[in-house]
């Protein structure tokens, strides 16, 4: 059995790459809270934007059915290379920008997703890029699909309201 790859340092990634949103991984309670909105009782296509070192990815892989597909789009090469080391046939990792989600899905012959989870730092992005990501996300979601976003600021909330009919928001304090 091969040696387990070393998890990349989020602090180092944060310092080297302005697109890395945080120096600490998302808390377990936040992951559970966000993922409680996913119906894992059926086969799913779940996309994750900006998975970082895979805290959500690991949780989803534990919960998802054997025939689900988990597609992660990570712009940071070191982080995406780390995620590619996970040995799970359901997981497909792309070192890509979330703006290009439609091209990513086309390349693997997927039309729509059931859920999109986003950890990308929208507040760091240019308005045009935010618009492109949200428009493409709206297009690729199934009719009943859900876009689950965390790390939302008031500014980003306005963009979400523009692209999605129903926006539920929950402000939570980190208790870990």
N, C-alpha and C. Protein backbone atom coordinates (compact mmCIF):
# COMPACT_ATOMS: atom_id res chain seq x y z
N UNK A 1 0.84 -1.17 0.00
CA UNK A 1 0.00 0.00 0.00
C UNK A 1 0.88 1.24 0.00
N UNK A 2 0.52 2.24 -0.81
CA UNK A 2 1.33 3.44 -0.95
C UNK A 2 1.24 4.35 0.26
N UNK A 3 2.19 5.26 0.34
CA UNK A 3 2.24 6.23 1.42
C UNK A 3 1.13 7.26 1.23
N UNK A 4 0.42 7.59 2.30
CA UNK A 4 -0.64 8.58 2.24
C UNK A 4 -0.02 9.95 1.95
N UNK A 5 -0.59 10.71 0.97
CA UNK A 5 -0.01 12.01 0.65
C UNK A 5 -0.18 12.99 1.82
N UNK A 6 0.80 13.85 1.97
CA UNK A 6 0.77 14.85 3.05
C UNK A 6 -0.23 15.94 2.67
N UNK A 7 -1.11 16.26 3.62
CA UNK A 7 -2.12 17.30 3.41
C UNK A 7 -1.41 18.65 3.27
N UNK A 8 -1.71 19.40 2.21
CA UNK A 8 -1.06 20.70 2.04
C UNK A 8 -1.45 21.68 3.15
N UNK A 9 -0.55 22.55 3.50
CA UNK A 9 -0.81 23.56 4.51
C UNK A 9 -1.68 24.66 3.91
N UNK A 10 -2.83 24.90 4.55
CA UNK A 10 -3.69 25.99 4.07
C UNK A 10 -3.03 27.34 4.31
N UNK A 11 -2.26 27.45 5.38
CA UNK A 11 -1.57 28.72 5.66
C UNK A 11 -0.60 29.04 4.52
N UNK A 12 0.21 28.04 4.14
CA UNK A 12 1.16 28.26 3.04
C UNK A 12 0.41 28.55 1.73
N UNK A 13 -0.64 27.81 1.47
CA UNK A 13 -1.43 28.03 0.25
C UNK A 13 -2.04 29.42 0.26
N UNK A 14 -2.56 29.85 1.41
CA UNK A 14 -3.17 31.17 1.56
C UNK A 14 -2.16 32.28 1.27
N UNK A 15 -0.96 32.11 1.77
CA UNK A 15 0.09 33.12 1.58
C UNK A 15 0.52 33.18 0.12
N UNK A 16 0.63 32.02 -0.52
CA UNK A 16 1.11 31.95 -1.91
C UNK A 16 0.03 32.24 -2.94
N UNK A 17 -1.25 32.06 -2.59
CA UNK A 17 -2.32 32.13 -3.59
C UNK A 17 -3.49 32.95 -3.07
N UNK A 18 -3.74 34.10 -3.67
CA UNK A 18 -4.81 34.99 -3.22
C UNK A 18 -6.20 34.37 -3.36
N UNK A 19 -6.31 33.26 -4.11
CA UNK A 19 -7.61 32.62 -4.30
C UNK A 19 -7.96 31.62 -3.20
N UNK A 20 -7.03 31.34 -2.31
CA UNK A 20 -7.31 30.45 -1.18
C UNK A 20 -8.01 31.29 -0.12
N UNK A 21 -9.20 30.83 0.31
CA UNK A 21 -10.08 31.65 1.13
C UNK A 21 -9.74 31.70 2.60
N UNK A 22 -9.08 30.69 3.12
CA UNK A 22 -8.91 30.62 4.57
C UNK A 22 -7.63 29.88 4.94
N UNK A 23 -7.12 30.21 6.12
CA UNK A 23 -5.92 29.52 6.61
C UNK A 23 -6.28 28.31 7.47
N UNK A 24 -7.56 28.19 7.80
CA UNK A 24 -8.00 27.03 8.59
C UNK A 24 -9.09 26.29 7.83
N UNK A 25 -9.15 24.97 8.00
CA UNK A 25 -10.21 24.22 7.32
C UNK A 25 -11.58 24.56 7.92
N UNK A 26 -12.61 24.37 7.14
CA UNK A 26 -13.97 24.57 7.61
C UNK A 26 -14.24 23.61 8.77
N UNK A 27 -14.95 24.10 9.78
CA UNK A 27 -15.23 23.28 10.96
C UNK A 27 -16.14 22.10 10.62
N UNK A 28 -16.02 21.04 11.42
CA UNK A 28 -16.87 19.86 11.23
C UNK A 28 -18.34 20.22 11.39
N UNK A 29 -18.66 21.10 12.32
CA UNK A 29 -20.07 21.46 12.52
C UNK A 29 -20.62 22.23 11.33
N UNK A 30 -19.81 23.07 10.71
CA UNK A 30 -20.25 23.78 9.50
C UNK A 30 -20.46 22.79 8.35
N UNK A 31 -19.55 21.85 8.19
CA UNK A 31 -19.67 20.85 7.13
C UNK A 31 -20.97 20.06 7.32
N UNK A 32 -21.21 19.60 8.53
CA UNK A 32 -22.44 18.83 8.80
C UNK A 32 -23.68 19.68 8.55
N UNK A 33 -23.63 20.93 8.97
CA UNK A 33 -24.77 21.82 8.79
C UNK A 33 -25.09 22.03 7.31
N UNK A 34 -24.08 22.37 6.53
CA UNK A 34 -24.29 22.58 5.09
C UNK A 34 -24.76 21.29 4.42
N UNK A 35 -24.11 20.19 4.74
CA UNK A 35 -24.44 18.91 4.10
C UNK A 35 -25.77 18.32 4.57
N UNK A 36 -26.33 18.85 5.64
CA UNK A 36 -27.64 18.37 6.09
C UNK A 36 -28.72 18.73 5.08
N UNK A 37 -28.42 19.60 4.15
CA UNK A 37 -29.36 20.00 3.10
C UNK A 37 -29.30 19.09 1.87
N UNK A 38 -28.44 18.08 1.93
CA UNK A 38 -28.27 17.15 0.81
C UNK A 38 -29.00 15.85 1.12
N UNK A 39 -29.77 15.38 0.14
CA UNK A 39 -30.47 14.10 0.27
C UNK A 39 -29.54 12.99 -0.23
N UNK A 40 -28.82 12.37 0.68
CA UNK A 40 -27.85 11.33 0.32
C UNK A 40 -28.51 9.97 0.08
N UNK A 41 -29.84 9.89 0.12
CA UNK A 41 -30.53 8.60 -0.01
C UNK A 41 -30.61 8.11 -1.46
N UNK A 42 -30.12 8.89 -2.39
CA UNK A 42 -30.17 8.51 -3.80
C UNK A 42 -28.83 8.84 -4.48
N UNK A 43 -28.66 8.34 -5.70
CA UNK A 43 -27.46 8.66 -6.47
C UNK A 43 -27.50 10.13 -6.85
N UNK A 44 -26.38 10.79 -6.68
CA UNK A 44 -26.31 12.23 -6.90
C UNK A 44 -25.12 12.61 -7.77
N UNK A 45 -25.23 13.79 -8.33
CA UNK A 45 -24.08 14.46 -8.94
C UNK A 45 -23.88 15.72 -8.10
N UNK A 46 -22.76 15.74 -7.39
CA UNK A 46 -22.44 16.87 -6.50
C UNK A 46 -21.16 17.53 -7.00
N UNK A 47 -21.21 18.84 -7.18
CA UNK A 47 -20.03 19.61 -7.53
C UNK A 47 -19.58 20.38 -6.30
N UNK A 48 -18.28 20.55 -6.20
CA UNK A 48 -17.74 21.37 -5.12
C UNK A 48 -16.75 22.35 -5.73
N UNK A 49 -17.00 23.63 -5.50
CA UNK A 49 -16.08 24.68 -5.93
C UNK A 49 -15.16 25.00 -4.76
N UNK A 50 -13.87 25.05 -5.02
CA UNK A 50 -12.91 25.45 -3.99
C UNK A 50 -12.87 24.53 -2.80
N UNK A 51 -12.64 23.24 -3.02
CA UNK A 51 -12.64 22.30 -1.90
C UNK A 51 -11.44 22.42 -0.96
N UNK A 52 -10.45 23.21 -1.33
CA UNK A 52 -9.27 23.35 -0.47
C UNK A 52 -8.63 22.00 -0.25
N UNK A 53 -8.44 21.61 1.02
CA UNK A 53 -7.80 20.31 1.27
C UNK A 53 -8.82 19.20 1.50
N UNK A 54 -10.09 19.44 1.17
CA UNK A 54 -11.05 18.36 1.08
C UNK A 54 -11.90 18.04 2.30
N UNK A 55 -12.13 18.99 3.18
CA UNK A 55 -12.94 18.72 4.37
C UNK A 55 -14.37 18.33 3.96
N UNK A 56 -14.98 19.13 3.08
CA UNK A 56 -16.32 18.78 2.57
C UNK A 56 -16.25 17.52 1.71
N UNK A 57 -15.25 17.45 0.87
CA UNK A 57 -15.10 16.31 -0.03
C UNK A 57 -15.09 15.00 0.74
N UNK A 58 -14.30 14.93 1.80
CA UNK A 58 -14.22 13.71 2.62
C UNK A 58 -15.57 13.36 3.22
N UNK A 59 -16.27 14.35 3.73
CA UNK A 59 -17.58 14.11 4.35
C UNK A 59 -18.57 13.60 3.29
N UNK A 60 -18.58 14.23 2.14
CA UNK A 60 -19.49 13.83 1.07
C UNK A 60 -19.19 12.40 0.61
N UNK A 61 -17.92 12.07 0.48
CA UNK A 61 -17.55 10.72 0.06
C UNK A 61 -18.02 9.67 1.07
N UNK A 62 -18.03 10.02 2.34
CA UNK A 62 -18.51 9.08 3.37
C UNK A 62 -20.02 8.88 3.26
N UNK A 63 -20.75 9.91 2.85
CA UNK A 63 -22.22 9.88 2.85
C UNK A 63 -22.84 9.46 1.50
N UNK A 64 -22.15 9.73 0.41
CA UNK A 64 -22.73 9.54 -0.92
C UNK A 64 -22.85 8.05 -1.29
N UNK A 65 -23.84 7.76 -2.12
CA UNK A 65 -24.07 6.39 -2.58
C UNK A 65 -22.93 5.92 -3.47
N UNK A 66 -22.80 4.61 -3.65
CA UNK A 66 -21.71 4.07 -4.48
C UNK A 66 -21.75 4.53 -5.95
N UNK A 67 -22.91 4.94 -6.44
CA UNK A 67 -23.01 5.37 -7.83
C UNK A 67 -23.13 6.88 -7.99
N UNK A 68 -22.92 7.61 -6.94
CA UNK A 68 -22.91 9.08 -7.05
C UNK A 68 -21.63 9.53 -7.72
N UNK A 69 -21.66 10.75 -8.23
CA UNK A 69 -20.46 11.36 -8.81
C UNK A 69 -20.17 12.64 -8.06
N UNK A 70 -18.93 12.77 -7.63
CA UNK A 70 -18.48 13.96 -6.91
C UNK A 70 -17.41 14.63 -7.77
N UNK A 71 -17.71 15.83 -8.23
CA UNK A 71 -16.78 16.56 -9.08
C UNK A 71 -16.30 17.78 -8.31
N UNK A 72 -14.99 17.90 -8.13
CA UNK A 72 -14.45 19.04 -7.42
C UNK A 72 -13.59 19.88 -8.36
N UNK A 73 -13.76 21.18 -8.22
CA UNK A 73 -13.04 22.14 -9.05
C UNK A 73 -12.22 23.02 -8.12
N UNK A 74 -10.91 22.83 -8.17
CA UNK A 74 -9.98 23.55 -7.30
C UNK A 74 -8.96 24.27 -8.16
N UNK A 75 -8.90 25.58 -8.03
CA UNK A 75 -8.01 26.41 -8.85
C UNK A 75 -6.54 26.28 -8.43
N UNK A 76 -6.29 26.03 -7.15
CA UNK A 76 -4.93 25.93 -6.64
C UNK A 76 -4.34 24.56 -7.00
N UNK A 77 -3.24 24.54 -7.73
CA UNK A 77 -2.67 23.29 -8.23
C UNK A 77 -2.22 22.36 -7.11
N UNK A 78 -1.56 22.88 -6.10
CA UNK A 78 -1.09 22.03 -5.00
C UNK A 78 -2.28 21.34 -4.31
N UNK A 79 -3.35 22.10 -4.09
CA UNK A 79 -4.52 21.51 -3.44
C UNK A 79 -5.23 20.51 -4.36
N UNK A 80 -5.35 20.84 -5.63
CA UNK A 80 -6.01 19.88 -6.54
C UNK A 80 -5.17 18.61 -6.71
N UNK A 81 -3.85 18.74 -6.74
CA UNK A 81 -3.00 17.55 -6.83
C UNK A 81 -3.19 16.66 -5.59
N UNK A 82 -3.30 17.28 -4.43
CA UNK A 82 -3.55 16.52 -3.20
C UNK A 82 -4.88 15.77 -3.30
N UNK A 83 -5.92 16.45 -3.75
CA UNK A 83 -7.24 15.82 -3.87
C UNK A 83 -7.24 14.68 -4.88
N UNK A 84 -6.42 14.80 -5.91
CA UNK A 84 -6.34 13.74 -6.93
C UNK A 84 -5.77 12.45 -6.36
N UNK A 85 -5.07 12.53 -5.22
CA UNK A 85 -4.50 11.36 -4.59
C UNK A 85 -5.54 10.50 -3.86
N UNK A 86 -6.72 11.06 -3.64
CA UNK A 86 -7.78 10.29 -2.98
C UNK A 86 -8.24 9.21 -3.94
N UNK A 87 -8.26 8.01 -3.47
CA UNK A 87 -8.60 6.87 -4.33
C UNK A 87 -10.07 6.51 -4.15
N UNK A 88 -10.92 7.13 -4.96
CA UNK A 88 -12.35 6.86 -4.91
C UNK A 88 -12.89 7.03 -6.32
N UNK A 89 -13.51 5.99 -6.85
CA UNK A 89 -13.98 6.02 -8.25
C UNK A 89 -15.06 7.08 -8.47
N UNK A 90 -15.71 7.52 -7.42
CA UNK A 90 -16.78 8.54 -7.55
C UNK A 90 -16.22 9.95 -7.69
N UNK A 91 -14.97 10.14 -7.31
CA UNK A 91 -14.38 11.47 -7.24
C UNK A 91 -13.62 11.82 -8.51
N UNK A 92 -13.93 13.01 -9.06
CA UNK A 92 -13.21 13.54 -10.22
C UNK A 92 -12.73 14.95 -9.85
N UNK A 93 -11.44 15.18 -9.98
CA UNK A 93 -10.83 16.43 -9.54
C UNK A 93 -10.31 17.20 -10.75
N UNK A 94 -10.64 18.49 -10.78
CA UNK A 94 -10.19 19.35 -11.87
C UNK A 94 -9.46 20.56 -11.32
N UNK A 95 -8.24 20.77 -11.82
CA UNK A 95 -7.47 21.97 -11.50
C UNK A 95 -7.94 23.03 -12.49
N UNK A 96 -8.97 23.75 -12.07
CA UNK A 96 -9.69 24.63 -13.00
C UNK A 96 -10.33 25.76 -12.20
N UNK A 97 -10.81 26.76 -12.92
CA UNK A 97 -11.53 27.87 -12.33
C UNK A 97 -13.03 27.54 -12.38
N UNK A 98 -13.77 27.86 -11.33
CA UNK A 98 -15.21 27.58 -11.29
C UNK A 98 -15.96 28.28 -12.42
N UNK A 99 -15.41 29.35 -12.95
CA UNK A 99 -16.02 30.02 -14.10
C UNK A 99 -16.23 29.03 -15.24
N UNK A 100 -15.34 28.06 -15.35
CA UNK A 100 -15.36 27.10 -16.46
C UNK A 100 -16.13 25.82 -16.14
N UNK A 101 -17.05 25.87 -15.19
CA UNK A 101 -17.78 24.67 -14.77
C UNK A 101 -18.50 24.00 -15.94
N UNK A 102 -19.04 24.76 -16.84
CA UNK A 102 -19.76 24.15 -17.97
C UNK A 102 -18.81 23.34 -18.85
N UNK A 103 -17.62 23.85 -19.09
CA UNK A 103 -16.62 23.11 -19.88
C UNK A 103 -16.19 21.84 -19.15
N UNK A 104 -16.01 21.96 -17.83
CA UNK A 104 -15.63 20.79 -17.03
C UNK A 104 -16.69 19.70 -17.16
N UNK A 105 -17.94 20.06 -16.97
CA UNK A 105 -19.02 19.07 -17.07
C UNK A 105 -19.14 18.50 -18.47
N UNK A 106 -19.00 19.34 -19.48
CA UNK A 106 -19.03 18.85 -20.87
C UNK A 106 -17.93 17.81 -21.10
N UNK A 107 -16.76 18.05 -20.53
CA UNK A 107 -15.62 17.14 -20.75
C UNK A 107 -15.84 15.75 -20.16
N UNK A 108 -16.76 15.64 -19.21
CA UNK A 108 -17.04 14.33 -18.60
C UNK A 108 -18.49 13.90 -18.86
N UNK A 109 -19.10 14.56 -19.83
CA UNK A 109 -20.43 14.19 -20.32
C UNK A 109 -21.51 14.24 -19.23
N UNK A 110 -21.49 15.29 -18.44
CA UNK A 110 -22.53 15.53 -17.44
C UNK A 110 -23.26 16.80 -17.85
N UNK A 111 -24.59 16.71 -17.84
CA UNK A 111 -25.41 17.87 -18.23
C UNK A 111 -25.75 18.75 -17.03
N UNK A 112 -26.13 18.11 -15.91
CA UNK A 112 -26.61 18.87 -14.76
C UNK A 112 -26.12 18.27 -13.44
N UNK A 113 -26.17 19.10 -12.42
CA UNK A 113 -25.79 18.67 -11.08
C UNK A 113 -26.99 18.78 -10.15
N UNK A 114 -27.00 17.93 -9.14
CA UNK A 114 -28.05 18.00 -8.12
C UNK A 114 -27.73 19.06 -7.08
N UNK A 115 -26.45 19.14 -6.73
CA UNK A 115 -26.00 20.11 -5.73
C UNK A 115 -24.66 20.69 -6.16
N UNK A 116 -24.48 21.97 -5.83
CA UNK A 116 -23.18 22.61 -5.96
C UNK A 116 -22.88 23.22 -4.59
N UNK A 117 -21.73 22.87 -4.05
CA UNK A 117 -21.27 23.43 -2.78
C UNK A 117 -20.11 24.35 -3.10
N UNK A 118 -20.16 25.55 -2.55
CA UNK A 118 -19.12 26.51 -2.88
C UNK A 118 -18.41 27.04 -1.64
N UNK A 119 -17.09 26.87 -1.66
CA UNK A 119 -16.24 27.45 -0.64
C UNK A 119 -15.33 28.51 -1.23
N UNK A 120 -15.61 28.92 -2.47
CA UNK A 120 -14.74 29.92 -3.08
C UNK A 120 -14.98 31.29 -2.44
N UNK A 121 -13.94 32.07 -2.36
CA UNK A 121 -14.05 33.38 -1.71
C UNK A 121 -14.64 34.44 -2.66
N UNK A 122 -15.96 34.43 -2.82
CA UNK A 122 -16.60 35.38 -3.73
C UNK A 122 -16.20 36.82 -3.44
N UNK A 123 -16.00 37.14 -2.17
CA UNK A 123 -15.66 38.53 -1.83
C UNK A 123 -14.29 38.94 -2.36
N UNK A 124 -13.47 37.96 -2.76
CA UNK A 124 -12.16 38.26 -3.34
C UNK A 124 -12.23 38.47 -4.86
N UNK A 125 -13.36 38.11 -5.46
CA UNK A 125 -13.46 38.09 -6.92
C UNK A 125 -13.96 39.40 -7.50
N UNK A 126 -13.64 39.59 -8.77
CA UNK A 126 -14.16 40.73 -9.53
C UNK A 126 -15.65 40.50 -9.81
N UNK A 127 -16.45 41.56 -9.85
CA UNK A 127 -17.88 41.41 -10.11
C UNK A 127 -18.20 40.59 -11.38
N UNK A 128 -17.46 40.80 -12.46
CA UNK A 128 -17.73 40.04 -13.69
C UNK A 128 -17.54 38.54 -13.47
N UNK A 129 -16.53 38.17 -12.69
CA UNK A 129 -16.29 36.75 -12.41
C UNK A 129 -17.40 36.17 -11.53
N UNK A 130 -17.86 36.94 -10.58
CA UNK A 130 -18.98 36.48 -9.73
C UNK A 130 -20.20 36.22 -10.61
N UNK A 131 -20.50 37.16 -11.48
CA UNK A 131 -21.65 37.00 -12.39
C UNK A 131 -21.51 35.74 -13.24
N UNK A 132 -20.34 35.52 -13.80
CA UNK A 132 -20.13 34.35 -14.66
C UNK A 132 -20.30 33.04 -13.88
N UNK A 133 -19.73 32.98 -12.68
CA UNK A 133 -19.84 31.76 -11.87
C UNK A 133 -21.30 31.49 -11.51
N UNK A 134 -22.01 32.52 -11.06
CA UNK A 134 -23.39 32.32 -10.65
C UNK A 134 -24.30 31.98 -11.84
N UNK A 135 -24.09 32.62 -12.96
CA UNK A 135 -24.88 32.31 -14.15
C UNK A 135 -24.64 30.87 -14.60
N UNK A 136 -23.38 30.47 -14.67
CA UNK A 136 -23.06 29.09 -15.07
C UNK A 136 -23.59 28.07 -14.07
N UNK A 137 -23.54 28.42 -12.81
CA UNK A 137 -24.06 27.51 -11.78
C UNK A 137 -25.56 27.35 -11.94
N UNK A 138 -26.25 28.43 -12.15
CA UNK A 138 -27.71 28.36 -12.35
C UNK A 138 -28.04 27.48 -13.55
N UNK A 139 -27.26 27.59 -14.62
CA UNK A 139 -27.50 26.81 -15.83
C UNK A 139 -27.28 25.32 -15.60
N UNK A 140 -26.26 24.96 -14.85
CA UNK A 140 -25.92 23.54 -14.71
C UNK A 140 -26.72 22.82 -13.62
N UNK A 141 -27.39 23.55 -12.76
CA UNK A 141 -28.17 22.89 -11.71
C UNK A 141 -29.44 22.26 -12.28
N UNK A 142 -29.79 21.08 -11.80
CA UNK A 142 -31.07 20.47 -12.12
C UNK A 142 -32.18 21.41 -11.68
N UNK A 143 -33.36 21.18 -12.21
CA UNK A 143 -34.52 22.03 -11.87
C UNK A 143 -34.71 22.13 -10.36
N UNK A 144 -34.54 21.02 -9.65
CA UNK A 144 -34.68 21.01 -8.19
C UNK A 144 -33.32 21.11 -7.48
N UNK A 145 -32.28 21.43 -8.23
CA UNK A 145 -30.94 21.49 -7.66
C UNK A 145 -30.77 22.62 -6.66
N UNK A 146 -29.74 22.48 -5.85
CA UNK A 146 -29.47 23.48 -4.82
C UNK A 146 -28.00 23.91 -4.86
N UNK A 147 -27.82 25.21 -4.68
CA UNK A 147 -26.49 25.81 -4.61
C UNK A 147 -26.26 26.16 -3.14
N UNK A 148 -25.31 25.46 -2.53
CA UNK A 148 -25.03 25.63 -1.11
C UNK A 148 -23.71 26.40 -0.95
N UNK A 149 -23.83 27.60 -0.43
CA UNK A 149 -22.68 28.51 -0.35
C UNK A 149 -22.41 28.82 1.12
N UNK A 150 -21.15 28.79 1.48
CA UNK A 150 -20.76 29.26 2.81
C UNK A 150 -19.71 30.32 2.60
N UNK A 151 -19.38 31.06 3.64
CA UNK A 151 -18.48 32.22 3.56
C UNK A 151 -19.13 33.33 2.74
N UNK A 152 -20.37 33.63 3.04
CA UNK A 152 -21.11 34.65 2.29
C UNK A 152 -21.09 35.97 3.04
N UNK A 153 -20.83 37.03 2.30
CA UNK A 153 -20.90 38.38 2.84
C UNK A 153 -22.17 39.04 2.32
N UNK A 154 -22.51 40.19 2.87
CA UNK A 154 -23.71 40.92 2.38
C UNK A 154 -23.60 41.22 0.90
N UNK A 155 -22.41 41.59 0.47
CA UNK A 155 -22.19 41.91 -0.94
C UNK A 155 -22.52 40.69 -1.81
N UNK A 156 -22.08 39.53 -1.41
CA UNK A 156 -22.32 38.31 -2.17
C UNK A 156 -23.80 37.93 -2.12
N UNK A 157 -24.45 38.18 -1.00
CA UNK A 157 -25.88 37.90 -0.86
C UNK A 157 -26.68 38.60 -1.97
N UNK A 158 -26.32 39.84 -2.30
CA UNK A 158 -27.01 40.57 -3.37
C UNK A 158 -26.88 39.86 -4.71
N UNK A 159 -25.70 39.33 -4.99
CA UNK A 159 -25.50 38.58 -6.24
C UNK A 159 -26.36 37.32 -6.25
N UNK A 160 -26.38 36.59 -5.14
CA UNK A 160 -27.18 35.36 -5.05
C UNK A 160 -28.66 35.67 -5.28
N UNK A 161 -29.15 36.74 -4.69
CA UNK A 161 -30.55 37.14 -4.87
C UNK A 161 -30.87 37.42 -6.33
N UNK A 162 -29.89 37.92 -7.05
CA UNK A 162 -30.08 38.24 -8.47
C UNK A 162 -30.21 36.98 -9.33
N UNK A 163 -29.52 35.91 -8.98
CA UNK A 163 -29.46 34.72 -9.82
C UNK A 163 -30.36 33.56 -9.38
N UNK A 164 -30.79 33.57 -8.14
CA UNK A 164 -31.57 32.45 -7.63
C UNK A 164 -32.87 32.95 -7.02
N UNK A 165 -33.98 32.28 -7.39
CA UNK A 165 -35.31 32.69 -6.93
C UNK A 165 -35.44 32.61 -5.42
N UNK A 166 -34.96 31.51 -4.88
CA UNK A 166 -35.08 31.26 -3.45
C UNK A 166 -33.70 31.25 -2.82
N UNK A 167 -33.49 32.13 -1.88
CA UNK A 167 -32.20 32.17 -1.18
C UNK A 167 -32.49 32.11 0.31
N UNK A 168 -32.15 30.97 0.91
CA UNK A 168 -32.26 30.84 2.36
C UNK A 168 -30.90 31.20 2.94
N UNK A 169 -30.91 31.93 4.00
CA UNK A 169 -29.63 32.25 4.60
C UNK A 169 -29.67 31.94 6.09
N UNK A 170 -28.54 31.57 6.56
CA UNK A 170 -28.40 31.24 7.98
C UNK A 170 -27.06 31.79 8.44
N UNK A 171 -27.11 32.58 9.45
CA UNK A 171 -25.88 33.11 10.03
C UNK A 171 -25.58 32.25 11.25
N UNK A 172 -24.39 31.72 11.27
CA UNK A 172 -24.04 30.83 12.38
C UNK A 172 -22.70 31.24 12.95
N UNK A 173 -22.57 31.02 14.19
CA UNK A 173 -21.30 31.25 14.85
C UNK A 173 -20.57 29.94 14.93
N UNK A 174 -19.27 29.99 14.78
CA UNK A 174 -18.46 28.78 14.89
C UNK A 174 -18.32 28.43 16.36
N UNK A 175 -18.77 27.24 16.72
CA UNK A 175 -18.73 26.82 18.12
C UNK A 175 -17.62 25.81 18.38
N UNK A 176 -16.72 25.63 17.44
CA UNK A 176 -15.62 24.65 17.64
C UNK A 176 -14.36 25.38 17.99
